[in-house]
Amino acid sequence: MSGSTASAGGRVGPTRLFRLFRWIRWYLREISGAADYDRHCLRHLREHPDRPIPSRRAYETWRTKRREEHPQTRCC
């Protein structure tokens, strides 16, 4: 059975399980918005290296305020 995606005995190898776990974690972080804060921190460090990184709470407050002030960025 060369070329099979499963290892001997029909089990999935640890590498495939790790990749699946990583993908699930990435997906959940994307749909929950957790990754947005990480991207914001990276952009903040790049554009304002001399300023402290805002807390998660401060970021969420800013993001909510921005959404309310710019309703065209939402569908509803």
C-alpha atoms as a PDB file:
ATOM      1  CA  MET A   1       0.000   0.000   0.000  1.00  0.00           C
ATOM      2  CA  SER A   2       2.563   2.576  -0.937  1.00  0.00           C
ATOM      3  CA  GLY A   3       1.263   6.093  -1.388  1.00  0.00           C
ATOM      4  CA  SER A   4      -1.447   5.657   1.238  1.00  0.00           C
ATOM      5  CA  THR A   5      -2.142   8.677   3.456  1.00  0.00           C
ATOM      6  CA  ALA A   6      -2.627   6.563   6.573  1.00  0.00           C
ATOM      7  CA  SER A   7       0.149   4.760   8.411  1.00  0.00           C
ATOM      8  CA  ALA A   8       0.186   1.013   9.009  1.00  0.00           C
ATOM      9  CA  GLY A   9      -3.002  -0.345  10.516  1.00  0.00           C
ATOM     10  CA  GLY A  10      -5.169   2.481   9.124  1.00  0.00           C
ATOM     11  CA  ARG A  11      -4.132   4.936  11.842  1.00  0.00           C
ATOM     12  CA  VAL A  12      -3.304   8.554  11.185  1.00  0.00           C
ATOM     13  CA  GLY A  13       0.309   9.502  11.904  1.00  0.00           C
ATOM     14  CA  PRO A  14       1.263  12.060  14.557  1.00  0.00           C
ATOM     15  CA  THR A  15       2.382  14.563  11.914  1.00  0.00           C
ATOM     16  CA  ARG A  16      -1.057  14.582  10.290  1.00  0.00           C
ATOM     17  CA  LEU A  17      -2.752  14.915  13.676  1.00  0.00           C
ATOM     18  CA  PHE A  18      -0.499  17.855  14.544  1.00  0.00           C
ATOM     19  CA  ARG A  19      -1.318  19.551  11.232  1.00  0.00           C
ATOM     20  CA  LEU A  20      -5.029  18.985  11.802  1.00  0.00           C
ATOM     21  CA  PHE A  21      -4.783  20.408  15.318  1.00  0.00           C
ATOM     22  CA  ARG A  22      -2.890  23.459  14.020  1.00  0.00           C
ATOM     23  CA  TRP A  23      -5.505  24.038  11.305  1.00  0.00           C
ATOM     24  CA  ILE A  24      -8.402  23.747  13.765  1.00  0.00           C
ATOM     25  CA  ARG A  25      -6.672  26.147  16.158  1.00  0.00           C
ATOM     26  CA  TRP A  26      -6.022  28.643  13.327  1.00  0.00           C
ATOM     27  CA  TYR A  27      -9.618  28.392  12.120  1.00  0.00           C
ATOM     28  CA  LEU A  28     -11.116  28.943  15.569  1.00  0.00           C
ATOM     29  CA  ARG A  29      -8.830  31.936  16.223  1.00  0.00           C
ATOM     30  CA  GLU A  30      -9.840  33.479  12.885  1.00  0.00           C
ATOM     31  CA  ILE A  31     -13.593  33.135  13.372  1.00  0.00           C
ATOM     32  CA  SER A  32     -13.460  34.225  17.016  1.00  0.00           C
ATOM     33  CA  GLY A  33     -11.396  37.349  16.266  1.00  0.00           C
ATOM     34  CA  ALA A  34      -8.476  36.359  18.509  1.00  0.00           C
ATOM     35  CA  ALA A  35      -6.075  36.587  15.568  1.00  0.00           C
ATOM     36  CA  ASP A  36      -7.138  40.191  14.892  1.00  0.00           C
ATOM     37  CA  TYR A  37      -5.549  41.378  18.122  1.00  0.00           C
ATOM     38  CA  ASP A  38      -2.298  39.563  17.294  1.00  0.00           C
ATOM     39  CA  ARG A  39      -2.188  41.212  13.860  1.00  0.00           C
ATOM     40  CA  HIS A  40      -2.943  44.579  15.474  1.00  0.00           C
ATOM     41  CA  CYS A  41      -0.025  44.135  17.898  1.00  0.00           C
ATOM     42  CA  LEU A  42       2.379  43.263  15.085  1.00  0.00           C
ATOM     43  CA  ARG A  43       1.256  46.260  13.028  1.00  0.00           C
ATOM     44  CA  HIS A  44       1.519  48.515  16.103  1.00  0.00           C
ATOM     45  CA  LEU A  45       5.085  47.339  16.767  1.00  0.00           C
ATOM     46  CA  ARG A  46       6.014  47.951  13.140  1.00  0.00           C
ATOM     47  CA  GLU A  47       4.444  51.411  12.871  1.00  0.00           C
ATOM     48  CA  HIS A  48       4.908  52.692  16.446  1.00  0.00           C
ATOM     49  CA  PRO A  49       7.922  50.931  17.992  1.00  0.00           C
ATOM     50  CA  ASP A  50       8.332  53.658  20.613  1.00  0.00           C
ATOM     51  CA  ARG A  51       4.773  53.349  22.002  1.00  0.00           C
ATOM     52  CA  PRO A  52       3.524  50.620  24.336  1.00  0.00           C
ATOM     53  CA  ILE A  53       1.209  47.978  22.905  1.00  0.00           C
ATOM     54  CA  PRO A  54      -2.408  48.570  23.895  1.00  0.00           C
ATOM     55  CA  SER A  55      -4.083  45.965  26.070  1.00  0.00           C
ATOM     56  CA  ARG A  56      -6.583  43.536  24.597  1.00  0.00           C
ATOM     57  CA  ARG A  57      -9.358  45.415  26.357  1.00  0.00           C
ATOM     58  CA  ALA A  58      -8.233  48.763  24.925  1.00  0.00           C
ATOM     59  CA  TYR A  59      -8.069  47.204  21.451  1.00  0.00           C
ATOM     60  CA  GLU A  60     -11.596  45.773  21.751  1.00  0.00           C
ATOM     61  CA  THR A  61     -12.917  49.158  22.932  1.00  0.00           C
ATOM     62  CA  TRP A  62     -11.241  50.909  19.991  1.00  0.00           C
ATOM     63  CA  ARG A  63     -12.533  48.304  17.525  1.00  0.00           C
ATOM     64  CA  THR A  64     -16.114  48.559  18.820  1.00  0.00           C
ATOM     65  CA  LYS A  65     -16.025  52.358  18.694  1.00  0.00           C
ATOM     66  CA  ARG A  66     -14.675  52.281  15.155  1.00  0.00           C
ATOM     67  CA  ARG A  67     -17.411  49.896  14.018  1.00  0.00           C
ATOM     68  CA  GLU A  68     -20.080  52.172  15.503  1.00  0.00           C
ATOM     69  CA  GLU A  69     -18.598  55.289  13.890  1.00  0.00           C
ATOM     70  CA  HIS A  70     -18.171  53.640  10.482  1.00  0.00           C
ATOM     71  CA  PRO A  71     -21.300  51.540   9.931  1.00  0.00           C
ATOM     72  CA  GLN A  72     -20.599  51.117   6.200  1.00  0.00           C
ATOM     73  CA  THR A  73     -17.929  48.572   7.094  1.00  0.00           C
ATOM     74  CA  ARG A  74     -20.674  46.201   8.289  1.00  0.00           C
ATOM     75  CA  CYS A  75     -23.276  44.429   6.210  1.00  0.00           C
ATOM     76  CA  CYS A  76     -26.171  45.147   8.596  1.00  0.00           C
END
